[in-house]
Structure formats: structure tokens, C-alpha cells
Protein backbone atom coordinates (compact mmCIF):
# COMPACT_ATOMS: atom_id res chain seq x y z
CA MET A 1 273.89 217.18 22.93
CA LYS A 2 273.53 221.11 23.55
CA SER A 3 272.36 220.42 27.19
CA ARG A 4 275.29 218.47 27.85
CA MET A 5 277.57 221.09 26.51
CA ASN A 6 275.53 223.41 28.70
CA GLN A 7 276.27 221.68 31.22
CA PHE A 8 280.16 220.94 31.10
CA ILE A 9 280.56 225.31 30.40
CA LEU A 10 278.21 225.52 33.60
CA ILE A 11 280.13 223.21 35.76
CA PHE A 12 283.73 224.69 34.49
CA CYS A 13 282.44 228.23 35.05
CA PHE A 14 281.64 227.16 38.76
CA VAL A 15 285.19 225.36 39.47
CA ALA A 16 287.06 228.36 37.86
CA ILE A 17 285.22 231.01 39.81
CA ALA A 18 285.86 228.79 43.04
CA PHE A 19 289.07 227.81 42.81
CA GLY A 20 290.49 231.25 41.20
CA HIS A 21 289.02 233.14 43.57
CA ASP A 22 290.28 231.23 46.86
CA SER A 23 293.72 231.53 45.48
CA TYR A 24 293.63 235.22 44.70
CA ASN A 25 292.25 235.79 48.15
CA LYS A 26 295.13 233.87 49.51
CA ARG A 27 297.32 236.05 47.24
CA ALA A 28 295.61 239.36 48.94
CA VAL A 29 296.27 237.97 52.17
CA GLU A 30 300.03 237.50 52.13
CA ASP A 31 300.33 240.46 50.11
CA TYR A 32 298.40 242.81 53.12
CA THR A 33 300.64 241.35 55.57
CA LYS A 34 303.71 242.81 54.18
CA LEU A 35 302.10 246.48 54.78
CA LYS A 36 302.45 246.77 58.44
CA TYR A 37 303.59 250.16 59.83
CA LYS A 38 307.02 250.52 60.46
CA THR A 39 308.24 252.78 62.68
CA ALA A 40 311.84 254.61 62.32
CA ILE A 41 313.47 255.10 65.59
CA ALA A 42 315.32 258.48 66.10
CA THR A 43 318.59 258.18 67.97
CA ARG A 44 319.42 260.88 70.53
CA THR A 45 322.95 262.53 69.31
CA GLU A 46 325.37 264.90 71.64
CA ASP A 47 327.54 266.03 68.79
CA PRO A 48 325.19 267.00 66.15
CA PRO A 49 325.81 265.90 62.42
CA LYS A 50 327.42 267.72 60.04
CA ILE A 51 325.17 269.33 57.27
CA ASP A 52 327.32 268.76 54.09
CA GLY A 53 324.69 266.31 52.21
CA LEU A 54 327.01 263.18 53.14
CA THR A 55 326.27 260.44 56.02
CA ASN A 56 329.72 259.37 56.50
CA ASP A 57 329.86 261.71 59.51
CA ALA A 58 330.44 259.95 62.83
CA ALA A 59 326.80 260.61 64.32
CA TRP A 60 325.27 259.38 61.44
CA GLU A 61 327.13 255.89 62.01
CA LYS A 62 325.32 255.53 65.42
CA ALA A 63 321.80 256.31 64.33
CA ILE A 64 319.48 253.47 63.58
CA LEU A 65 318.88 252.36 59.66
CA ALA A 66 315.81 252.45 58.15
CA ASP A 67 315.42 250.61 54.69
CA GLU A 68 313.06 247.82 54.35
CA PHE A 69 310.85 249.61 51.69
CA LEU A 70 308.16 248.09 49.55
CA GLN A 71 307.92 249.45 45.66
CA PHE A 72 304.13 249.31 44.14
CA ASP A 73 305.28 250.27 40.67
CA PRO A 74 306.37 248.54 38.72
CA TYR A 75 306.13 244.98 40.78
CA ASN A 76 303.21 245.87 43.55
CA LEU A 77 304.99 244.82 47.05
CA GLU A 78 308.26 243.59 46.29
CA ALA A 79 311.71 244.71 47.42
CA PRO A 80 312.46 248.00 45.22
CA THR A 81 314.56 248.02 42.30
CA VAL A 82 316.74 250.76 43.88
CA ARG A 83 317.68 250.73 47.25
CA THR A 84 316.54 253.72 49.76
CA GLU A 85 317.78 254.16 53.33
CA PHE A 86 317.34 256.70 55.50
CA ARG A 87 318.57 257.70 59.73
CA VAL A 88 317.09 260.31 62.06
CA LEU A 89 319.06 261.49 64.89
CA TYR A 90 318.19 264.29 67.35
CA ASP A 91 319.33 266.84 70.10
CA ASP A 92 317.52 269.26 72.09
CA LYS A 93 317.22 271.50 69.39
CA TYR A 94 317.03 269.51 66.34
CA LEU A 95 315.41 266.65 64.00
CA TYR A 96 317.99 265.73 61.58
CA ILE A 97 317.02 263.53 58.85
CA ALA A 98 319.33 261.80 55.74
CA PHE A 99 318.74 259.69 53.03
CA ASP A 100 320.68 257.58 51.20
CA ASN A 101 319.68 256.94 47.78
CA PHE A 102 321.14 254.33 45.62
CA ASP A 103 320.03 255.39 42.11
CA PRO A 104 322.20 253.76 39.33
CA ASN A 105 322.12 256.43 37.00
CA PRO A 106 321.78 259.67 39.15
CA GLU A 107 322.74 262.21 36.15
CA LYS A 108 319.43 261.22 34.11
CA ILE A 109 317.50 262.87 36.79
CA MET A 110 316.20 265.48 35.83
CA ALA A 111 315.12 268.77 37.85
CA ARG A 112 314.42 272.24 37.30
CA MET A 113 315.86 275.54 38.99
CA SER A 114 313.59 277.43 40.84
CA ARG A 115 313.53 281.04 42.43
CA ARG A 116 314.71 279.98 45.54
CA ASP A 117 317.59 277.93 44.22
CA ASP A 118 319.15 280.78 43.18
């Protein structure tokens, strides 16, 4: 009886390891394919954007939007719970980068003033 029970446990462990390992590897490969390197394309501009913290300037409207991010916390390799977008422009002199961070509660963001902020 004890020998039969040991055989059952051994077979069960073998099957669990074999099938569990296979499904884990498939999931890992699927997730890994999401981690492709992405390239942001900078758009040349003749009229530099107004530097005011807003992205409603006509120059920013011409810039290519980059927004396909993935999060790692709390849900690994999923669409972010809070959306972020950015755009890149350049001219003969400068590189311009603008971010739009869509936080549902921006008043809860805590930041400390430093010497250079005065």
C-alpha cells in the first residue's frame, strides 16, 4: 500500500513539474515579446514651441506621439494604470521634449522645494 502511494506521489510530481514548467515558459516567452525596444521619432520644427509647460502649441501638434508604455508594478508587463505620453521636436539649435502625465489625483503628488526651486 505504501509503495503504491509513493508511486502515485512520484507520478503526480512528475506530471505537475512537466506541465507546470511548460506553461510557465510559454507565458515568459509571450511576456518577453512585449519588451521590444521602442524608438521615439523626433520631428523637425521651423517654429519652436512655446515653453510654458503645456503641449497645446501648434508645434507640438506636428510632433509624433509616443505612448505605448508598459508597467512593471503592480501588474507586470501590462498597460499602465495611468497614461503617459511624450513628444520630441528639434530645430537647428535645440531639442524639445514634452511629457503629458495623466494623473487622476495630481494634488496628491508630494514634492519638496529645493534650493534651486527658489
